Structures are given as C-alpha cells and as structure tokens.
Amino acid sequence: MRKILAFALVSCIVLSRPLQAQYYYYNDRYYESAVVFEIGVSGGVMNSFTDLGGKKGIGRNFIKDLRSKTARLSYGAYIAATYKNAITGRIEGTFGRVVGYDSILKNVASSTGGRYERNLSFRSKIAEVQLAVEVHPLFFKSYGDDDPPRLSPYGLIGAGYFSFDPEANLNGQWFALAPLRLEGQGFAEYPDRKPYRLNQVNILGGLGLRYEITPALNARIELVHRKLFTDYLDDVSTDYIDPALFYNYLPPVQAAIAQQLYFRRNELNASDAQPLLGDQRGDPKDKDAYFTIQAKIGLTFGRKRR
C-alpha cells in the first residue's frame, strides 16, 4: 500500500508541473492555478450488506435490508489533485469496522424463515486504500466574469484494495473465522469451496457535495458504496457441512471451536438438533458489500496570493 501511495503522489506532482504556471484570477486576493492539490481527513460511519441480520422477511436486496443499528465509526485521510475544479483524482485510506448479527431480528423472528434462529454473528475490521476520480459537472462550463458556484455536487468512481478478517464471539472470546473453514473451504469433500483471501479488490462508486469554505479550505460530504467480489465478508455463504470433517482438517482445539461456531441455533433452543448435511446457512447468489457516509475537510494548496 505504501508503494501505491508513493506512486500516485509522485504521478500527480509530475503530471501537474506543466500546468501550474497557468494562472488566472480566482478572486481579488488570489490567482487560480489549473491544478490545485488538497490534503485532508474524513470521518463518518461504515455499514455493510451481508447474509446476517437485515430486516423482516426472508431478506431483501440492497438498501431495503439496511439496518442503522449496525453502523460503526469510520475515518480516513486523502490526497487529491483537482484540474480546473472539474476533475479530481485522489488516493485515500479508509478504516472502520462492519458487523452483523441475526439477533437483531428478534422482534420480527416469526417472519424471517429461520434467519433469527440461525443465530450467527460477526465483526470485522476494514482497512482500505482507494484510487478514485471525482467529476464535478457544474465546472464543465465557463463562468466568465461571474463567480463560480461554491457548492459543487459530484459523482465518483474508482477501485480499492481492502483487508478484512471476520470474527465471532464464543463465551466472551473472539475467534478469527477464516482459519476455521466453517463451510468446508479447502476440504477435499467440497472442491468448489476455496479458502477466501483476506485482502481483495473492490469497485467503488458514490455521490458527494463539495463546498469551498475559503480559497484554502474545502469541505465535503459523500456516500461511497463498495461492490465486493466475495460473499465471505461475514464468513457465511453456502450451507452446513458434516461437522466431523473439522477433526480431519483442523487441530483438535480448533476443530472443537469450529464445531461450536458453525451452528449456533442450539444456543437459543437447546433442543435444536444439528443441521442436516446441505441445509442452508447463507445465500451465495449475492456478494457482500459495504459503504461509508463521511464528512471530509481538506486544505488546498496551489493558489497564489496576488
């Protein structure tokens, strides 16, 4: 990630040098440069769409299944270069946490088709570096002698590289779930289930508003959604396996923990029997996702006093 950050920063500086001499009036105190730079910080919330939790019924797609109770704090920092206020390229680091738990469905348990009784849960830290482009349509026209707008809506698109590591709580202790292979990932009996990587690529898109407070200070508010290529952000995707297999592939201590974490209905109802082989545990048809809603504040460099 350090190499990517360094490369992006050097590229922005090198590409902008021929343009920095192109000045025009910004206001009665500053000249405007064709390219200005910005460095800033961000803070807000992060939330996710996974197999766990959600709203009543059998689960709905996208925002219809969103629960605000699972939002957690997020924060980050960014470096950006903007060309004539219209196009911004930026590199940003974002950090936060996502969670999901079936117990959130308690008040609507009768409608969930067994999702509440499934009783699974997870948490995961997220660390992401992203490359994104902002497009500010209001600045694709010339304002001549008129003052340009200080408030600019924009769209953004880009790609990120993120890490995650789902965990679940058992008797007050948190256990990493990927090494336990709770759905038979990497077992010979399930050749189509490969161990998932904890560092992956995502595709992001979003909307925002930029407000120019002063020539040297910008503020933004934005929503950014990440499309993932994994269904294991929450370690839940397919169906239940034969728990005896844990002892064939894992050390005895890990196998015992895996056997308790892969099936948790009996924690709500001790009479619940172990699942039949192939009973549904998750839904592999839809990949997981996460998003952030953040406010940003940035210092602008490149404008010169008259």
Protein backbone atom coordinates (compact mmCIF):
# COMPACT_ATOMS: atom_id res chain seq x y z
CA MET A 1 0.00 0.00 0.00
CA ARG A 2 2.90 2.38 0.73
CA LYS A 3 4.23 1.84 -2.80
CA ILE A 4 0.82 2.62 -4.31
CA LEU A 5 0.51 5.81 -2.24
CA ALA A 6 4.00 6.98 -3.20
CA PHE A 7 3.48 6.24 -6.91
CA ALA A 8 0.14 8.09 -7.01
CA LEU A 9 1.52 11.14 -5.24
CA VAL A 10 4.60 11.39 -7.47
CA SER A 11 2.45 10.93 -10.59
CA CYS A 12 0.15 13.78 -9.56
CA ILE A 13 3.08 16.12 -8.94
CA VAL A 14 4.87 15.26 -12.19
CA LEU A 15 1.78 15.50 -14.36
CA SER A 16 0.74 18.83 -12.88
CA ARG A 17 4.04 20.70 -13.26
CA PRO A 18 3.45 21.96 -16.83
CA LEU A 19 0.07 23.30 -15.75
CA GLN A 20 1.00 25.10 -12.56
CA ALA A 21 2.23 28.17 -14.41
CA GLN A 22 -1.22 28.72 -15.99
CA TYR A 23 -2.72 31.27 -13.59
CA TYR A 24 -5.94 33.26 -13.85
CA TYR A 25 -7.91 35.34 -11.36
CA TYR A 26 -9.58 33.43 -8.55
CA ASN A 27 -10.76 36.49 -6.61
CA ASP A 28 -9.33 39.89 -5.63
CA ARG A 29 -6.75 38.23 -3.37
CA TYR A 30 -5.71 35.04 -5.18
CA TYR A 31 -4.67 33.71 -8.56
CA GLU A 32 -6.08 30.34 -9.59
CA SER A 33 -3.86 27.53 -10.88
CA ALA A 34 -5.06 24.98 -13.40
CA VAL A 35 -4.17 22.25 -10.91
CA VAL A 36 -4.55 22.57 -7.16
CA PHE A 37 -3.74 19.99 -4.51
CA GLU A 38 -5.63 19.02 -1.42
CA ILE A 39 -4.81 17.03 1.68
CA GLY A 40 -7.50 16.18 4.18
CA VAL A 41 -9.13 13.89 6.71
CA SER A 42 -12.52 12.21 6.85
CA GLY A 43 -14.84 10.77 9.45
CA GLY A 44 -18.25 9.15 9.49
CA VAL A 45 -19.88 5.74 9.59
CA MET A 46 -19.41 2.40 7.86
CA ASN A 47 -22.08 -0.24 7.32
CA SER A 48 -22.44 -3.43 5.31
CA PHE A 49 -24.81 -5.71 3.40
CA THR A 50 -24.18 -9.38 4.22
CA ASP A 51 -26.11 -12.59 4.85
CA LEU A 52 -26.50 -11.83 8.56
CA GLY A 53 -29.11 -9.62 10.18
CA GLY A 54 -31.20 -7.34 7.99
CA LYS A 55 -34.93 -6.70 8.21
CA LYS A 56 -38.06 -8.82 8.42
CA GLY A 57 -38.94 -11.47 5.87
CA ILE A 58 -36.52 -13.75 4.08
CA GLY A 59 -34.09 -10.95 3.32
CA ARG A 60 -34.25 -8.21 0.73
CA ASN A 61 -31.76 -6.71 -1.66
CA PHE A 62 -29.53 -3.74 -1.07
CA ILE A 63 -30.87 -0.77 0.89
CA LYS A 64 -34.19 -2.47 1.65
CA ASP A 65 -32.31 -4.74 4.08
CA LEU A 66 -30.23 -1.99 5.71
CA ARG A 67 -30.19 -1.58 9.50
CA SER A 68 -28.80 1.62 11.01
CA LYS A 69 -28.03 -0.22 14.26
CA THR A 70 -25.11 -1.98 12.60
CA ALA A 71 -23.36 1.28 11.58
CA ARG A 72 -19.92 1.78 13.11
CA LEU A 73 -17.44 4.67 13.10
CA SER A 74 -15.00 5.09 10.20
CA TYR A 75 -12.18 7.51 9.49
CA GLY A 76 -9.51 8.19 6.89
CA ALA A 77 -7.16 10.57 5.13
CA TYR A 78 -6.69 11.54 1.49
CA ILE A 79 -4.51 13.37 -1.02
CA ALA A 80 -6.13 14.84 -4.14
CA ALA A 81 -5.30 16.85 -7.26
CA THR A 82 -8.03 18.86 -9.00
CA TYR A 83 -7.93 20.17 -12.57
CA LYS A 84 -9.88 23.41 -13.10
CA ASN A 85 -12.28 22.46 -10.29
CA ALA A 86 -13.88 19.91 -12.61
CA ILE A 87 -11.91 16.66 -12.33
CA THR A 88 -10.30 15.39 -9.14
CA GLY A 89 -8.04 12.38 -8.80
CA ARG A 90 -7.43 11.19 -5.27
CA ILE A 91 -5.89 8.45 -3.21
CA GLU A 92 -7.45 7.73 0.15
CA GLY A 93 -7.04 5.41 3.10
CA THR A 94 -10.23 4.40 4.93
CA PHE A 95 -10.54 2.44 8.15
CA GLY A 96 -13.55 1.16 10.05
CA ARG A 97 -15.48 -1.89 11.18
CA VAL A 98 -18.50 -3.81 9.92
CA VAL A 99 -20.77 -6.04 11.98
CA GLY A 100 -23.81 -8.26 11.51
CA TYR A 101 -25.90 -10.39 13.82
CA ASP A 102 -29.07 -12.41 13.43
CA SER A 103 -30.23 -11.46 16.93
CA ILE A 104 -31.19 -8.03 15.52
CA LEU A 105 -34.22 -9.86 14.03
CA LYS A 106 -35.66 -10.85 17.42
CA ASN A 107 -38.74 -8.60 17.21
CA VAL A 108 -39.66 -9.96 13.75
CA ALA A 109 -38.43 -13.53 14.27
CA SER A 110 -41.66 -15.16 13.11
CA SER A 111 -41.29 -13.63 9.64
CA THR A 112 -37.63 -14.46 8.97
CA GLY A 113 -37.88 -18.10 7.88
CA GLY A 114 -35.28 -19.25 10.41
CA ARG A 115 -32.78 -16.42 9.94
CA TYR A 116 -33.24 -15.24 13.52
CA GLU A 117 -32.94 -18.80 14.85
CA ARG A 118 -29.75 -19.31 12.82
CA ASN A 119 -28.17 -17.06 15.48
CA LEU A 120 -24.91 -16.28 13.67
CA SER A 121 -22.91 -13.07 14.07
CA PHE A 122 -19.63 -11.48 13.03
CA ARG A 123 -17.45 -8.40 13.23
CA SER A 124 -14.55 -7.40 11.01
CA LYS A 125 -12.07 -4.54 10.84
CA ILE A 126 -11.75 -2.93 7.41
CA ALA A 127 -8.61 -1.22 6.09
CA GLU A 128 -8.77 0.13 2.54
CA VAL A 129 -6.71 2.16 0.11
CA GLN A 130 -8.59 3.54 -2.90
CA LEU A 131 -7.91 5.38 -6.13
CA ALA A 132 -10.90 7.43 -7.25
CA VAL A 133 -11.92 10.13 -9.72
CA GLU A 134 -14.44 12.84 -8.89
CA VAL A 135 -16.40 14.50 -11.71
CA HIS A 136 -17.89 17.96 -10.96
CA PRO A 137 -20.37 18.70 -13.78
CA LEU A 138 -21.04 22.34 -12.79
CA PHE A 139 -17.46 23.21 -13.75
CA PHE A 140 -17.65 21.94 -17.31
CA LYS A 141 -18.86 25.39 -18.33
CA SER A 142 -17.11 28.75 -18.23
CA TYR A 143 -18.50 31.33 -15.81
CA GLY A 144 -16.69 34.27 -17.43
CA ASP A 145 -16.89 37.26 -15.09
CA ASP A 146 -19.44 35.54 -12.86
CA ASP A 147 -18.39 33.87 -9.65
CA PRO A 148 -18.33 30.07 -9.97
CA PRO A 149 -20.52 28.11 -7.52
CA ARG A 150 -19.02 27.36 -4.14
CA LEU A 151 -21.21 24.27 -3.73
CA SER A 152 -20.48 21.53 -6.25
CA PRO A 153 -22.29 18.15 -6.47
CA TYR A 154 -20.16 15.36 -7.91
CA GLY A 155 -20.04 11.70 -8.75
CA LEU A 156 -17.07 9.47 -8.14
CA ILE A 157 -15.84 6.10 -9.32
CA GLY A 158 -12.74 4.08 -8.57
CA ALA A 159 -11.21 0.91 -7.20
CA GLY A 160 -9.87 -0.12 -3.83
CA TYR A 161 -7.75 -2.74 -2.17
CA PHE A 162 -9.03 -3.74 1.26
CA SER A 163 -8.40 -6.16 4.08
CA PHE A 164 -10.95 -7.84 6.35
CA ASP A 165 -10.89 -10.58 8.97
CA PRO A 166 -14.28 -11.81 10.24
CA GLU A 167 -14.51 -12.84 13.88
CA ALA A 168 -17.23 -14.30 16.11
CA ASN A 169 -17.65 -14.27 19.86
CA LEU A 170 -17.85 -17.51 21.84
CA ASN A 171 -18.17 -17.38 25.62
CA GLY A 172 -16.68 -13.90 25.76
CA GLN A 173 -13.69 -14.62 23.48
CA TRP A 174 -13.31 -13.54 19.85
CA PHE A 175 -12.13 -16.07 17.28
CA ALA A 176 -10.96 -15.45 13.70
CA LEU A 177 -13.32 -17.39 11.43
CA ALA A 178 -11.32 -17.79 8.21
CA PRO A 179 -8.83 -20.34 9.69
CA LEU A 180 -11.74 -22.45 11.00
CA ARG A 181 -13.16 -23.01 7.47
CA LEU A 182 -16.71 -23.33 8.79
CA GLU A 183 -18.22 -24.10 5.37
CA GLY A 184 -15.57 -26.61 4.32
CA GLN A 185 -13.32 -24.22 2.38
CA GLY A 186 -10.30 -26.21 1.22
CA PHE A 187 -11.76 -29.58 2.24
CA ALA A 188 -11.46 -32.33 -0.38
CA GLU A 189 -15.16 -33.10 0.09
CA TYR A 190 -16.00 -29.58 -1.17
CA PRO A 191 -13.68 -28.95 -4.12
CA ASP A 192 -15.69 -25.90 -5.25
CA ARG A 193 -15.14 -24.09 -1.94
CA LYS A 194 -11.73 -22.45 -1.86
CA PRO A 195 -10.30 -20.62 1.18
CA TYR A 196 -11.07 -16.95 0.75
CA ARG A 197 -8.37 -14.27 0.70
CA LEU A 198 -8.45 -11.63 3.43
CA ASN A 199 -7.03 -8.98 1.05
CA GLN A 200 -9.11 -8.27 -2.03
CA VAL A 201 -10.04 -5.69 -4.66
CA ASN A 202 -13.31 -3.79 -4.70
CA ILE A 203 -15.07 -1.42 -7.08
CA LEU A 204 -16.50 1.78 -5.65
CA GLY A 205 -18.91 4.44 -6.71
CA GLY A 206 -20.63 7.29 -4.95
CA LEU A 207 -22.06 10.78 -4.77
CA GLY A 208 -20.90 13.85 -2.88
CA LEU A 209 -21.06 17.59 -2.33
CA ARG A 210 -18.00 19.85 -2.19
CA TYR A 211 -18.21 23.24 -0.53
CA GLU A 212 -15.41 25.76 -0.86
CA ILE A 213 -15.24 27.46 2.53
CA THR A 214 -12.21 29.61 1.67
CA PRO A 215 -9.57 29.52 -1.10
CA ALA A 216 -7.53 27.25 1.19
CA LEU A 217 -10.25 25.11 2.77
CA ASN A 218 -12.76 22.64 1.30
CA ALA A 219 -15.47 20.58 2.93
CA ARG A 220 -17.20 17.52 1.51
CA ILE A 221 -19.98 15.12 2.42
CA GLU A 222 -20.19 11.88 0.46
CA LEU A 223 -21.66 8.41 0.23
CA VAL A 224 -19.39 5.72 -1.25
CA HIS A 225 -20.56 2.16 -1.93
CA ARG A 226 -18.14 -0.75 -2.43
CA LYS A 227 -19.01 -3.70 -4.65
CA LEU A 228 -17.12 -6.78 -3.46
CA PHE A 229 -16.12 -9.99 -5.24
CA THR A 230 -16.52 -12.13 -2.12
CA ASP A 231 -19.52 -13.46 -0.20
CA TYR A 232 -17.40 -14.11 2.89
CA LEU A 233 -17.18 -10.65 4.48
CA ASP A 234 -19.28 -12.24 7.24
CA ASP A 235 -17.89 -15.79 6.77
CA VAL A 236 -21.36 -17.00 5.72
CA SER A 237 -22.26 -18.02 2.17
CA THR A 238 -23.44 -21.55 1.42
CA ASP A 239 -24.72 -24.48 3.51
CA TYR A 240 -23.91 -26.61 6.53
CA ILE A 241 -21.28 -29.33 6.27
CA ASP A 242 -20.64 -32.52 8.22
CA PRO A 243 -19.05 -31.26 11.48
CA ALA A 244 -16.99 -34.44 11.80
CA LEU A 245 -14.83 -33.12 8.95
CA PHE A 246 -13.40 -30.40 11.17
CA TYR A 247 -11.42 -33.07 13.03
CA ASN A 248 -9.99 -34.35 9.74
CA TYR A 249 -8.56 -30.98 8.70
CA LEU A 250 -8.01 -28.91 11.85
CA PRO A 251 -6.06 -29.40 15.07
CA PRO A 252 -8.33 -30.78 17.84
CA VAL A 253 -8.66 -27.47 19.70
CA GLN A 254 -9.58 -25.56 16.52
CA ALA A 255 -11.95 -28.33 15.44
CA ALA A 256 -13.83 -28.12 18.75
CA ILE A 257 -14.20 -24.35 18.38
CA ALA A 258 -15.30 -24.70 14.76
CA GLN A 259 -17.97 -27.21 15.73
CA GLN A 260 -19.45 -24.70 18.17
CA LEU A 261 -19.30 -21.71 15.82
CA TYR A 262 -20.56 -23.22 12.56
CA PHE A 263 -24.01 -24.00 14.06
CA ARG A 264 -25.50 -21.85 16.85
CA ARG A 265 -29.23 -22.49 16.82
CA ASN A 266 -28.91 -24.64 19.95
CA GLU A 267 -27.76 -21.58 21.92
CA LEU A 268 -31.31 -20.23 21.61
CA ASN A 269 -33.05 -23.58 21.91
CA ALA A 270 -31.11 -26.44 23.45
CA SER A 271 -33.47 -28.96 21.82
CA ASP A 272 -32.47 -27.87 18.31
CA ALA A 273 -30.75 -30.79 16.61
CA GLN A 274 -27.64 -30.47 14.47
CA PRO A 275 -28.46 -29.43 10.89
CA LEU A 276 -28.83 -31.93 8.10
CA LEU A 277 -25.96 -32.05 5.61
CA GLY A 278 -26.64 -29.38 2.99
CA ASP A 279 -29.15 -27.31 4.99
CA GLN A 280 -28.98 -23.65 4.00
CA ARG A 281 -26.60 -21.47 6.04
CA GLY A 282 -26.21 -18.49 3.70
CA ASP A 283 -27.12 -17.24 0.23
CA PRO A 284 -24.30 -17.47 -2.33
CA LYS A 285 -26.25 -15.70 -5.09
CA ASP A 286 -25.42 -12.18 -3.88
CA LYS A 287 -21.96 -10.93 -2.97
CA ASP A 288 -21.42 -8.88 0.18
CA ALA A 289 -20.86 -5.11 0.15
CA TYR A 290 -20.05 -2.22 2.46
CA PHE A 291 -20.34 1.55 2.28
CA THR A 292 -19.35 4.73 4.08
CA ILE A 293 -21.05 8.05 4.72
CA GLN A 294 -18.35 10.56 5.60
CA ALA A 295 -17.64 14.24 6.06
CA LYS A 296 -14.29 15.49 4.79
CA ILE A 297 -12.26 18.58 5.46
CA GLY A 298 -9.27 19.46 3.29
CA LEU A 299 -6.54 22.06 2.93
CA THR A 300 -5.99 23.32 -0.62
CA PHE A 301 -2.55 24.18 -2.00
CA GLY A 302 -1.54 25.73 -5.32
CA ARG A 303 -3.38 29.06 -5.40
CA LYS A 304 -1.15 32.12 -5.06
CA ARG A 305 -1.72 35.46 -3.46
CA ARG A 306 -1.88 38.48 -5.81
